[in-house]
Amino acid sequence: MKVTAGRVALVTAGGVVVGLALLGLLLTGLDGRTAQANPSLSVGVDAEPSFYPANGDAFVGTVEPCASRTSTGGTFEVDIYVKDVSRLMSFGVWFEYDPAIVHVTARNVKRFLLVGSTLDDVKDISDCPPASGYCVLSAFDLKKATHTGNGVLATLTLEPQGPAEISWANLTNIQLTDLDGHAIGDSNQDGYYDGPVANAEVGIDQPSSYCVLDSDYDGVINSLDQCPSTPLGQQVDAFGCSQSQVDPDLDGFCSPGAPPGTTWCSGTDNCPTISNPSQTNTDAQDQDNDGRLDEDPPDPNRVDDDADTVADEDPPGDGAGDACDPDDDGDGFTDTDEVARSSNPLVATSTPEVCDGLDNDGDTLVDEGYNYRGNSTPDCTEAGLDTDGDGVANPSDSDDDTDGNPDPDFNDGFADTMENWMGTDSLDACPENANDPAWPADLTGDTWCDVADILMFRPNIMTTFGDPPFIRRNDLTADGWIDVADVLMLRPHIMNQCVD
C-alpha cells in the first residue's frame, strides 16, 4: 500500500491512559538478572511526611504508618520512600487507596531521581486516573545518575471526600532497577521487589486515639497486628520461623531443614534458592549446556534438534540451540522474519531486504520489492521521485514516508537510516496488515501504537546487538541498544492509529 501526500492520517484514540503508566512498570526488572541487594533495603508509605524530622528529597525522616485528617482540612500529602537502595535508575510502584474516602489530586515522582540530575533527565511516566483507587507511579533517569541511599520516590497529594472512614495506602508490584538494568531486591527473580514493604492508613474524621503506635512500621497498628514487633511478611509461626527462613524463594515449598509442620510451606523444595512452584526444575544448573537452566523436558544433546541440517551451536555461539534460539545467525532479525522475507536465517550477512541501494539478503539483487512504480529503478533511488510529497526527492530525502507535516502526529517519525536498521519499509508510513512492517511505532502490526506495542519490549529491554534476546525491530533508536530511549520513541504516537 503506497502512501502519498495528504493521505496519511493518525487517528487519536482519546489520549494517553494506563498504557503509559504500564510503560513505567515495563522498564524495571524485565531482563531476569538480579542485582545484589542490601538486606536493609526497604520501601514504604509515610503517612505523615512532615513529622519531625521531615522527609527531604534524599532524606527519609520519621516514618509514620498512620495519619489522622479532617474532612474540612484541605489536601494533604503522603510520601512513598525507599531506604538503603543502591544505584537506582528507575522505579515503578502500584499505589492503592479507597476512592470513596480520598482522591489523589497531584503527584511528584521526580524527587529522589532529581538529586544529581536535571528536570530534562528525569521522565515521569506515571498515571493516576481520577477517583480510580490506584496510581501507577513510575519514573526513570535518562542521565543514569547514581541514586543511592534514602529518598522519596513519590509524593502524592490527597483530598478527603467526606465520610468518616479509614483508607488504606498500600504499595504493590514494586519494581526497582539499577544502572545496569538489573532488578533490585528481586530475590526470586520474578521481576518484582521481594523485601519488606511498610504500608499505611489514612483516617478521615477519626477519634484522636486512632493513630496509635505501629512498633514494627509494617502498616498494621499494634492493636490489629498479630506480631507487633515483627514486620508483616516476616512474622513467625509457632516454631519461631519466619517465611523467609523456611521458604526463602517463596514458592510454597520448604527448604531442607525446615521444622516439620511449619505453617509457611509444605514438602521439601528441590531448588530452595529459585522459585519453582511446579517443582520441575531439579536444580539451578545447565547440564546440557544449551544456555538455559535445566528445562522440562530437558534437551539432552547438542545436535540438530530442528532438522535444519546444521548443528545446534551455530555461530555466533550464543549458547542456545537452534530449537530454542529465535535468531540462529545472530544478525538481529528473527528466523521467522527472515524466512518470511527470503533471507537466510543461518547466515548473518543475509538480512531482510530494505531500500538502501544494497543487496541485503545476498541474492545478487538490489532493493528488490521496493519498485512500487514498476519501472527499472527502486523508488528510494529514483531521481525526481518524491514519495511523501514533502518537496524533497527520495534520493535526497532523509525520511521518504512522511507527508510533509512537521507534527510528529502526522508522520511516521523515523528516518530512512533508522528504518533500514530495523528492517521496516522506509517508503510506506502505514501498515496494510500484520505482515507489512511499515510503521516502526506499530510493533504488533495492527495499525495502532498502544499498550500492546509497549509490551513487545519485554523480552529485549536492556539488551545489546549480539545479545541473544536482541532484535533490531525493537531498536527504534537504531543504536544497537534496546533501552528506555527506544520505549520513549513511542511517546509521540501512543494511542494513535496509522491509516491511509
Protein backbone atom coordinates (compact mmCIF):
# COMPACT_ATOMS: atom_id res chain seq x y z
CA MET A 1 0.00 0.00 0.00
CA LYS A 2 1.57 3.30 -1.06
CA VAL A 3 1.28 6.48 0.95
CA THR A 4 1.20 9.76 -0.94
CA ALA A 5 0.99 13.36 0.16
CA GLY A 6 -2.01 14.10 2.33
CA ARG A 7 -3.18 10.51 2.58
CA VAL A 8 -1.61 9.60 5.91
CA ALA A 9 -3.67 10.35 8.99
CA LEU A 10 -3.10 9.41 12.61
CA VAL A 11 -6.39 8.94 14.43
CA THR A 12 -6.27 9.88 18.12
CA ALA A 13 -7.90 7.41 20.47
CA GLY A 14 -8.67 9.76 23.31
CA GLY A 15 -5.31 10.43 24.92
CA VAL A 16 -2.77 8.54 26.94
CA VAL A 17 -4.28 6.26 29.58
CA VAL A 18 -2.96 3.48 31.72
CA GLY A 19 -0.75 2.27 28.88
CA LEU A 20 1.84 4.95 29.55
CA ALA A 21 1.86 4.01 33.20
CA LEU A 22 2.46 0.40 32.27
CA LEU A 23 5.43 1.65 30.31
CA GLY A 24 6.99 2.61 33.63
CA LEU A 25 6.48 -0.83 35.06
CA LEU A 26 7.83 -2.34 31.90
CA LEU A 27 11.14 -0.60 32.29
CA THR A 28 12.03 -2.27 35.53
CA GLY A 29 13.26 -5.75 36.26
CA LEU A 30 12.50 -7.39 32.94
CA ASP A 31 15.78 -8.97 31.97
CA GLY A 32 15.65 -11.66 34.64
CA ARG A 33 19.03 -10.65 36.06
CA THR A 34 19.15 -9.69 39.71
CA ALA A 35 21.48 -7.25 41.36
CA GLN A 36 22.76 -7.98 44.85
CA ALA A 37 20.52 -6.07 47.21
CA ASN A 38 21.37 -4.57 50.57
CA PRO A 39 19.43 -6.67 53.12
CA SER A 40 18.33 -3.47 54.85
CA LEU A 41 16.68 -2.17 51.68
CA SER A 42 13.05 -1.26 52.31
CA VAL A 43 10.17 0.55 50.65
CA GLY A 44 7.07 2.03 52.20
CA VAL A 45 4.48 4.76 52.63
CA ASP A 46 4.98 7.62 55.09
CA ALA A 47 1.54 8.92 56.01
CA GLU A 48 2.96 11.96 57.86
CA PRO A 49 5.94 13.13 55.76
CA SER A 50 6.23 16.46 57.64
CA PHE A 51 6.57 14.81 61.06
CA TYR A 52 9.88 15.82 62.65
CA PRO A 53 12.39 15.23 61.22
CA ALA A 54 10.59 15.81 57.93
CA ASN A 55 11.44 13.97 54.73
CA GLY A 56 13.67 15.58 52.14
CA ASP A 57 14.29 14.53 48.58
CA ALA A 58 17.21 12.33 49.62
CA PHE A 59 16.43 12.02 53.31
CA VAL A 60 13.77 9.91 54.98
CA GLY A 61 12.94 11.22 58.44
CA THR A 62 10.42 9.80 60.88
CA VAL A 63 8.14 7.31 59.13
CA GLU A 64 4.53 7.27 60.27
CA PRO A 65 2.23 4.42 59.18
CA CYS A 66 -0.89 6.31 60.14
CA ALA A 67 -2.31 9.81 59.61
CA SER A 68 -5.46 11.35 61.03
CA ARG A 69 -7.05 14.11 58.94
CA THR A 70 -10.29 16.08 58.96
CA SER A 71 -12.66 16.23 56.03
CA THR A 72 -12.54 20.04 56.14
CA GLY A 73 -8.78 20.41 56.34
CA GLY A 74 -8.00 20.64 52.63
CA THR A 75 -5.44 18.48 50.86
CA PHE A 76 -2.54 16.68 52.48
CA GLU A 77 0.47 14.65 51.33
CA VAL A 78 1.87 11.17 51.76
CA ASP A 79 5.32 10.04 50.66
CA ILE A 80 6.49 6.81 49.07
CA TYR A 81 10.06 6.25 50.18
CA VAL A 82 12.99 3.89 49.71
CA LYS A 83 15.77 3.20 52.18
CA ASP A 84 19.25 1.80 51.62
CA VAL A 85 18.89 1.42 47.86
CA SER A 86 21.96 1.11 45.62
CA ARG A 87 22.42 2.63 42.16
CA LEU A 88 18.74 3.23 41.49
CA MET A 89 17.91 4.29 37.90
CA SER A 90 14.15 3.75 37.67
CA PHE A 91 11.20 2.61 39.72
CA GLY A 92 7.59 1.59 39.32
CA VAL A 93 5.01 1.04 42.06
CA TRP A 94 1.26 0.49 42.20
CA PHE A 95 -0.33 2.66 44.91
CA GLU A 96 -3.83 1.73 46.11
CA TYR A 97 -6.32 3.78 48.13
CA ASP A 98 -10.06 3.90 48.80
CA PRO A 99 -11.54 6.41 46.31
CA ALA A 100 -14.69 6.78 48.38
CA ILE A 101 -12.59 8.28 51.18
CA VAL A 102 -9.76 10.16 49.46
CA HIS A 103 -8.79 11.20 45.93
CA VAL A 104 -5.30 11.71 44.52
CA THR A 105 -5.11 15.23 43.09
CA ALA A 106 -1.40 15.59 42.29
CA ARG A 107 1.85 13.64 42.18
CA ASN A 108 5.58 14.28 42.12
CA VAL A 109 7.65 11.24 41.15
CA LYS A 110 10.93 13.01 40.46
CA ARG A 111 12.20 13.87 43.94
CA PHE A 112 14.87 11.26 44.63
CA LEU A 113 15.80 10.81 40.97
CA LEU A 114 16.35 14.55 40.56
CA VAL A 115 19.20 14.53 43.08
CA GLY A 116 22.25 15.00 40.86
CA SER A 117 20.14 15.28 37.71
CA THR A 118 18.04 17.90 35.93
CA LEU A 119 14.36 18.12 35.07
CA ASP A 120 15.11 17.12 31.49
CA ASP A 121 16.89 13.97 32.64
CA VAL A 122 14.10 12.53 34.78
CA LYS A 123 10.99 11.32 32.95
CA ASP A 124 7.60 10.89 34.63
CA ILE A 125 5.67 8.06 33.00
CA SER A 126 3.04 7.69 35.72
CA ASP A 127 -0.72 7.61 35.59
CA CYS A 128 -3.29 8.45 38.28
CA PRO A 129 -6.79 8.13 36.82
CA PRO A 130 -9.10 10.39 38.85
CA ALA A 131 -11.00 8.65 41.65
CA SER A 132 -9.86 5.26 40.39
CA GLY A 133 -8.46 3.87 43.64
CA TYR A 134 -4.98 3.39 42.22
CA CYS A 135 -1.98 5.19 40.79
CA VAL A 136 0.78 3.63 38.73
CA LEU A 137 3.82 5.68 39.68
CA SER A 138 6.96 5.35 37.61
CA ALA A 139 9.95 7.43 36.61
CA PHE A 140 13.45 6.93 35.29
CA ASP A 141 16.65 8.91 34.92
CA LEU A 142 17.88 9.19 31.31
CA LYS A 143 21.18 10.55 32.61
CA LYS A 144 21.64 7.27 34.50
CA ALA A 145 22.96 9.11 37.54
CA THR A 146 23.66 7.12 40.67
CA HIS A 147 20.88 7.44 43.24
CA THR A 148 22.00 5.63 46.34
CA GLY A 149 20.84 5.72 49.95
CA ASN A 150 17.48 7.00 51.19
CA GLY A 151 14.95 9.15 49.39
CA VAL A 152 11.37 10.00 48.48
CA LEU A 153 10.35 8.22 45.29
CA ALA A 154 6.99 9.95 45.05
CA THR A 155 4.81 12.44 46.87
CA LEU A 156 1.04 12.20 46.45
CA THR A 157 -1.43 14.94 47.27
CA LEU A 158 -4.68 13.53 48.68
CA GLU A 159 -8.04 15.20 49.17
CA PRO A 160 -10.63 13.97 51.71
CA GLN A 161 -14.00 13.08 50.24
CA GLY A 162 -16.14 13.47 53.34
CA PRO A 163 -17.03 10.19 55.04
CA ALA A 164 -15.54 9.44 58.44
CA GLU A 165 -13.66 6.33 57.36
CA ILE A 166 -10.19 4.85 57.10
CA SER A 167 -8.48 4.45 53.73
CA TRP A 168 -5.61 2.12 53.03
CA ALA A 169 -2.44 3.45 51.40
CA ASN A 170 -0.76 0.34 50.06
CA LEU A 171 2.05 -0.45 47.65
CA THR A 172 2.13 -3.49 45.36
CA ASN A 173 4.03 -4.55 42.22
CA ILE A 174 7.15 -2.70 43.28
CA GLN A 175 9.97 -2.67 40.76
CA LEU A 176 13.37 -1.05 41.23
CA THR A 177 16.06 -1.07 38.54
CA ASP A 178 19.76 -0.26 38.81
CA LEU A 179 22.06 1.42 36.29
CA ASP A 180 22.72 -1.86 34.51
CA GLY A 181 19.03 -2.61 34.03
CA HIS A 182 19.05 -5.25 36.76
CA ALA A 183 16.19 -5.68 39.21
CA ILE A 184 16.96 -4.57 42.76
CA GLY A 185 15.74 -6.63 45.70
CA ASP A 186 14.25 -9.34 43.48
CA SER A 187 15.32 -12.49 45.34
CA ASN A 188 13.02 -14.89 43.46
CA GLN A 189 13.65 -13.38 40.01
CA ASP A 190 10.02 -12.67 39.16
CA GLY A 191 10.71 -9.04 38.24
CA TYR A 192 9.35 -7.56 41.49
CA TYR A 193 10.95 -6.32 44.70
CA ASP A 194 10.62 -9.00 47.38
CA GLY A 195 11.72 -7.15 50.50
CA PRO A 196 9.73 -5.59 53.34
CA VAL A 197 7.02 -3.10 52.42
CA ALA A 198 5.59 -0.71 55.00
CA ASN A 199 2.05 0.24 54.05
CA ALA A 200 -0.01 2.91 55.75
CA GLU A 201 -3.52 4.07 56.57
CA VAL A 202 -5.24 7.44 56.47
CA GLY A 203 -8.14 8.13 58.84
CA ILE A 204 -10.65 10.85 57.99
CA ASP A 205 -12.51 12.43 60.94
CA GLN A 206 -11.34 9.69 63.30
CA PRO A 207 -11.03 9.99 67.12
CA SER A 208 -7.70 11.21 68.46
CA SER A 209 -6.85 7.70 69.64
CA TYR A 210 -6.96 6.31 66.10
CA CYS A 211 -3.29 6.61 65.22
CA VAL A 212 -1.59 4.50 67.86
CA LEU A 213 1.99 3.33 67.65
CA ASP A 214 2.99 0.86 64.96
CA SER A 215 6.10 -0.62 66.56
CA ASP A 216 7.36 -2.57 63.57
CA TYR A 217 6.37 0.01 60.91
CA ASP A 218 4.62 -2.58 58.76
CA GLY A 219 1.46 -0.51 58.25
CA VAL A 220 -0.63 -2.51 60.74
CA ILE A 221 -1.27 -0.71 64.01
CA ASN A 222 -0.36 -2.59 67.18
CA SER A 223 -3.94 -3.32 68.23
CA LEU A 224 -4.54 -5.18 64.98
CA ASP A 225 -1.05 -6.65 64.48
CA GLN A 226 -0.56 -10.37 65.05
CA CYS A 227 3.14 -9.73 65.73
CA PRO A 228 3.52 -6.03 66.61
CA SER A 229 7.32 -6.23 66.90
CA THR A 230 7.91 -8.15 63.62
CA PRO A 231 7.13 -6.57 60.23
CA LEU A 232 4.31 -8.11 58.23
CA GLY A 233 5.68 -10.80 55.91
CA GLN A 234 8.36 -11.69 58.43
CA GLN A 235 6.07 -12.75 61.28
CA VAL A 236 6.94 -16.04 62.94
CA ASP A 237 4.86 -19.19 63.24
CA ALA A 238 4.52 -21.47 66.25
CA PHE A 239 8.02 -22.82 65.61
CA GLY A 240 9.58 -19.36 65.73
CA CYS A 241 10.32 -19.42 62.00
CA SER A 242 9.64 -16.65 59.52
CA GLN A 243 8.59 -17.36 55.96
CA SER A 244 11.91 -16.04 54.66
CA GLN A 245 13.74 -18.56 56.85
CA VAL A 246 11.89 -21.72 55.85
CA ASP A 247 10.90 -20.78 52.28
CA PRO A 248 13.45 -18.21 51.05
CA ASP A 249 12.29 -18.37 47.42
CA LEU A 250 8.61 -18.02 48.43
CA ASP A 251 7.37 -20.80 46.16
CA GLY A 252 5.40 -22.63 48.86
CA PHE A 253 7.89 -25.50 49.33
CA CYS A 254 10.00 -25.74 52.49
CA SER A 255 13.75 -25.55 52.24
CA PRO A 256 15.69 -28.58 53.60
CA GLY A 257 15.94 -28.45 57.38
CA ALA A 258 12.69 -26.59 57.96
CA PRO A 259 10.82 -27.83 61.07
CA PRO A 260 8.06 -30.34 60.22
CA GLY A 261 4.57 -28.89 60.35
CA THR A 262 5.57 -25.28 59.69
CA THR A 263 2.62 -23.20 58.53
CA TRP A 264 4.51 -21.24 55.87
CA CYS A 265 5.20 -24.06 53.42
CA SER A 266 4.93 -27.78 52.75
CA GLY A 267 7.05 -30.60 51.35
CA THR A 268 10.72 -30.17 50.53
CA ASP A 269 11.93 -27.69 47.94
CA ASN A 270 14.09 -29.38 45.30
CA CYS A 271 15.58 -25.99 44.37
CA PRO A 272 15.40 -23.86 47.53
CA THR A 273 17.07 -20.75 46.09
CA ILE A 274 14.99 -20.38 42.89
CA SER A 275 11.20 -20.06 42.95
CA ASN A 276 9.72 -23.05 41.10
CA PRO A 277 6.15 -23.75 42.27
CA SER A 278 5.84 -26.59 39.74
CA GLN A 279 9.00 -28.23 41.14
CA THR A 280 10.06 -29.21 37.61
CA ASN A 281 13.44 -27.51 37.75
CA THR A 282 15.56 -30.05 39.62
CA ASP A 283 18.49 -27.74 40.19
CA ALA A 284 19.98 -24.41 39.19
CA GLN A 285 22.35 -25.91 36.62
CA ASP A 286 22.61 -26.19 32.87
CA GLN A 287 23.62 -29.82 32.50
CA ASP A 288 23.16 -29.96 28.72
CA ASN A 289 24.99 -26.68 28.09
CA ASP A 290 22.19 -25.26 25.98
CA GLY A 291 22.23 -21.88 27.68
CA ARG A 292 19.09 -22.49 29.78
CA LEU A 293 18.64 -23.84 33.29
CA ASP A 294 17.64 -27.49 33.11
CA GLU A 295 14.24 -27.23 31.49
CA ASP A 296 11.30 -29.58 31.44
CA PRO A 297 11.55 -31.57 29.26
CA PRO A 298 15.34 -31.29 29.09
CA ASP A 299 17.33 -31.06 25.89
CA PRO A 300 19.92 -33.82 26.44
CA ASN A 301 22.13 -33.11 23.44
CA ARG A 302 23.75 -30.56 21.22
CA VAL A 303 22.83 -31.96 17.82
CA ASP A 304 20.47 -30.89 15.05
CA ASP A 305 17.23 -30.70 17.05
CA ASP A 306 15.36 -28.62 14.48
CA ALA A 307 16.38 -30.78 11.50
CA ASP A 308 17.81 -27.87 9.55
CA THR A 309 20.95 -29.92 8.73
CA VAL A 310 23.07 -27.57 10.85
CA ALA A 311 24.26 -28.46 14.34
CA ASP A 312 22.61 -26.56 17.16
CA GLU A 313 25.55 -24.47 18.22
CA ASP A 314 25.79 -22.32 15.11
CA PRO A 315 27.91 -19.17 15.11
CA PRO A 316 27.88 -16.76 16.83
CA GLY A 317 27.67 -19.37 19.60
CA ASP A 318 25.17 -17.66 21.84
CA GLY A 319 24.72 -20.82 23.89
CA ALA A 320 21.19 -21.58 22.68
CA GLY A 321 20.44 -24.49 20.38
CA ASP A 322 18.57 -23.76 17.18
CA ALA A 323 15.33 -25.21 18.51
CA CYS A 324 15.30 -22.64 21.32
CA ASP A 325 17.02 -19.75 19.52
CA PRO A 326 14.80 -17.23 17.71
CA ASP A 327 17.79 -15.77 15.86
CA ASP A 328 20.16 -18.56 14.84
CA ASP A 329 22.67 -16.40 12.98
CA GLY A 330 22.71 -13.54 15.49
CA ASP A 331 22.07 -10.82 12.90
CA GLY A 332 19.30 -9.17 14.93
CA PHE A 333 16.45 -10.43 12.75
CA THR A 334 14.32 -13.34 13.94
CA ASP A 335 14.37 -16.58 11.97
CA THR A 336 10.64 -16.23 11.32
CA ASP A 337 11.08 -12.74 9.90
CA GLU A 338 14.00 -13.83 7.73
CA VAL A 339 12.17 -16.83 6.28
CA ALA A 340 9.10 -14.70 5.54
CA ARG A 341 11.24 -12.12 3.76
CA SER A 342 13.52 -14.53 1.87
CA SER A 343 16.79 -14.02 3.70
CA ASN A 344 18.84 -16.87 5.15
CA PRO A 345 18.26 -17.30 8.93
CA LEU A 346 21.53 -19.22 9.27
CA VAL A 347 23.80 -16.66 7.59
CA ALA A 348 24.49 -13.43 9.47
CA THR A 349 25.33 -11.50 6.30
CA SER A 350 21.92 -12.32 4.80
CA THR A 351 19.27 -9.99 6.22
CA PRO A 352 15.80 -8.91 5.05
CA GLU A 353 15.92 -6.60 2.05
CA VAL A 354 15.43 -2.87 2.65
CA CYS A 355 15.55 0.04 0.22
CA ASP A 356 19.11 1.29 0.67
CA GLY A 357 20.88 0.59 -2.60
CA LEU A 358 22.48 -2.61 -1.28
CA ASP A 359 21.95 -6.32 -1.70
CA ASN A 360 20.96 -7.09 1.89
CA ASP A 361 19.89 -10.71 1.52
CA GLY A 362 22.77 -11.80 -0.70
CA ASP A 363 20.73 -12.92 -3.72
CA THR A 364 22.62 -10.57 -6.14
CA LEU A 365 19.55 -8.31 -6.48
CA VAL A 366 19.44 -4.79 -5.03
CA ASP A 367 16.38 -3.32 -3.29
CA GLU A 368 14.04 -5.91 -4.75
CA GLY A 369 10.44 -5.45 -3.66
CA TYR A 370 10.74 -1.66 -3.46
CA ASN A 371 9.96 -0.79 -7.08
CA TYR A 372 6.38 0.27 -6.42
CA ARG A 373 6.15 2.21 -9.69
CA GLY A 374 7.03 -0.88 -11.70
CA ASN A 375 9.86 0.65 -13.72
CA SER A 376 13.54 -0.27 -13.71
CA THR A 377 14.62 1.74 -10.65
CA PRO A 378 13.78 1.18 -6.95
CA ASP A 379 11.75 4.07 -5.57
CA CYS A 380 14.30 5.09 -2.96
CA THR A 381 16.95 5.82 -5.59
CA GLU A 382 14.77 7.06 -8.46
CA ALA A 383 15.76 10.58 -9.46
CA GLY A 384 12.95 13.14 -9.10
CA LEU A 385 10.54 10.79 -7.31
CA ASP A 386 9.03 12.30 -4.14
CA THR A 387 7.05 9.51 -2.49
CA ASP A 388 5.85 11.51 0.51
CA GLY A 389 5.25 14.79 -1.31
CA ASP A 390 7.38 16.86 1.02
CA GLY A 391 9.19 18.64 -1.81
CA VAL A 392 12.40 16.63 -1.45
CA ALA A 393 13.17 13.88 -3.97
CA ASN A 394 13.71 10.43 -2.46
CA PRO A 395 17.48 10.19 -3.13
CA SER A 396 17.97 13.39 -1.11
CA ASP A 397 15.18 12.85 1.44
CA SER A 398 16.22 11.52 4.85
CA ASP A 399 12.68 10.31 5.55
CA ASP A 400 10.81 9.17 2.45
CA ASP A 401 7.50 8.27 4.10
CA THR A 402 6.43 11.46 5.86
CA ASP A 403 3.66 13.59 4.38
CA GLY A 404 5.48 16.89 4.76
CA ASN A 405 3.79 17.78 8.05
CA PRO A 406 6.34 18.56 10.83
CA ASP A 407 3.84 17.49 13.51
CA PRO A 408 5.00 14.03 14.72
CA ASP A 409 1.36 13.00 14.93
CA PHE A 410 1.22 13.21 11.15
CA ASN A 411 4.34 11.35 10.03
CA ASP A 412 5.94 8.10 10.95
CA GLY A 413 8.73 9.84 12.84
CA PHE A 414 11.57 7.54 11.79
CA ALA A 415 14.38 8.40 9.35
CA ASP A 416 15.23 6.08 6.46
CA THR A 417 18.54 5.04 8.05
CA MET A 418 16.71 4.02 11.22
CA GLU A 419 14.11 2.06 9.27
CA ASN A 420 16.81 0.30 7.27
CA TRP A 421 18.41 -0.82 10.53
CA MET A 422 15.09 -2.10 11.87
CA GLY A 423 14.10 -3.67 8.55
CA THR A 424 10.90 -1.64 8.15
CA ASP A 425 9.66 -0.11 4.90
CA SER A 426 11.15 3.38 4.55
CA LEU A 427 8.73 4.20 1.71
CA ASP A 428 5.48 3.32 3.48
CA ALA A 429 4.19 5.07 6.59
CA CYS A 430 1.25 2.82 7.50
CA PRO A 431 0.94 -0.97 7.71
CA GLU A 432 -1.56 -2.65 5.46
CA ASN A 433 -1.67 -5.80 7.58
CA ALA A 434 0.28 -7.60 10.32
CA ASN A 435 2.86 -8.75 7.77
CA ASP A 436 3.55 -5.24 6.49
CA PRO A 437 6.39 -3.72 8.58
CA ALA A 438 5.70 -0.14 7.56
CA TRP A 439 5.38 1.96 10.74
CA PRO A 440 8.18 1.39 13.29
CA ALA A 441 5.95 2.57 16.16
CA ASP A 442 3.49 -0.23 15.39
CA LEU A 443 5.47 -3.26 16.56
CA THR A 444 2.40 -5.52 16.54
CA GLY A 445 1.32 -4.60 13.00
CA ASP A 446 -2.30 -3.85 13.92
CA THR A 447 -2.19 -0.18 12.74
CA TRP A 448 -2.26 1.06 16.37
CA CYS A 449 0.53 2.23 18.65
CA ASP A 450 -0.72 1.23 22.07
CA VAL A 451 -0.01 -0.79 25.20
CA ALA A 452 0.46 -3.97 23.17
CA ASP A 453 3.38 -2.34 21.38
CA ILE A 454 4.93 -1.26 24.67
CA LEU A 455 4.75 -4.82 25.91
CA MET A 456 6.68 -6.01 22.84
CA PHE A 457 9.83 -4.68 24.53
CA ARG A 458 9.59 -7.13 27.42
CA PRO A 459 11.85 -9.89 26.02
CA ASN A 460 14.51 -7.47 24.78
CA ILE A 461 14.72 -4.50 27.13
CA MET A 462 18.29 -3.66 28.21
CA THR A 463 19.92 -5.91 25.59
CA THR A 464 22.57 -5.01 23.02
CA PHE A 465 23.28 -6.15 19.48
CA GLY A 466 24.83 -9.62 19.75
CA ASP A 467 22.99 -10.41 22.97
CA PRO A 468 20.66 -13.32 22.02
CA PRO A 469 17.33 -11.66 23.01
CA PHE A 470 18.16 -8.55 20.96
CA ILE A 471 16.18 -7.95 17.77
CA ARG A 472 16.61 -4.92 15.53
CA ARG A 473 12.87 -4.40 15.10
CA ASN A 474 12.64 -3.17 18.70
CA ASP A 475 15.74 -0.97 18.48
CA LEU A 476 13.80 2.15 17.48
CA THR A 477 16.76 4.46 18.00
CA ALA A 478 18.97 2.27 15.76
CA ASP A 479 21.88 2.45 18.19
CA GLY A 480 22.38 -1.26 18.85
CA TRP A 481 20.92 -1.00 22.36
CA ILE A 482 17.30 -1.59 23.37
CA ASP A 483 16.62 0.58 26.39
CA VAL A 484 14.45 3.35 27.79
CA ALA A 485 15.22 5.62 24.83
CA ASP A 486 13.61 3.12 22.46
CA VAL A 487 10.43 2.93 24.50
CA LEU A 488 10.30 6.73 24.58
CA MET A 489 10.22 6.76 20.77
CA LEU A 490 6.58 5.64 21.11
CA ARG A 491 5.50 8.62 23.18
CA PRO A 492 4.51 10.92 20.26
CA HIS A 493 2.44 8.09 18.77
CA ILE A 494 0.95 6.26 21.76
CA MET A 495 -2.78 5.54 21.40
CA ASN A 496 -2.73 6.73 17.79
CA GLN A 497 -3.64 4.79 14.68
CA CYS A 498 -1.87 5.00 11.34
CA VAL A 499 -4.29 4.64 8.45
CA ASP A 500 -4.23 5.53 4.74
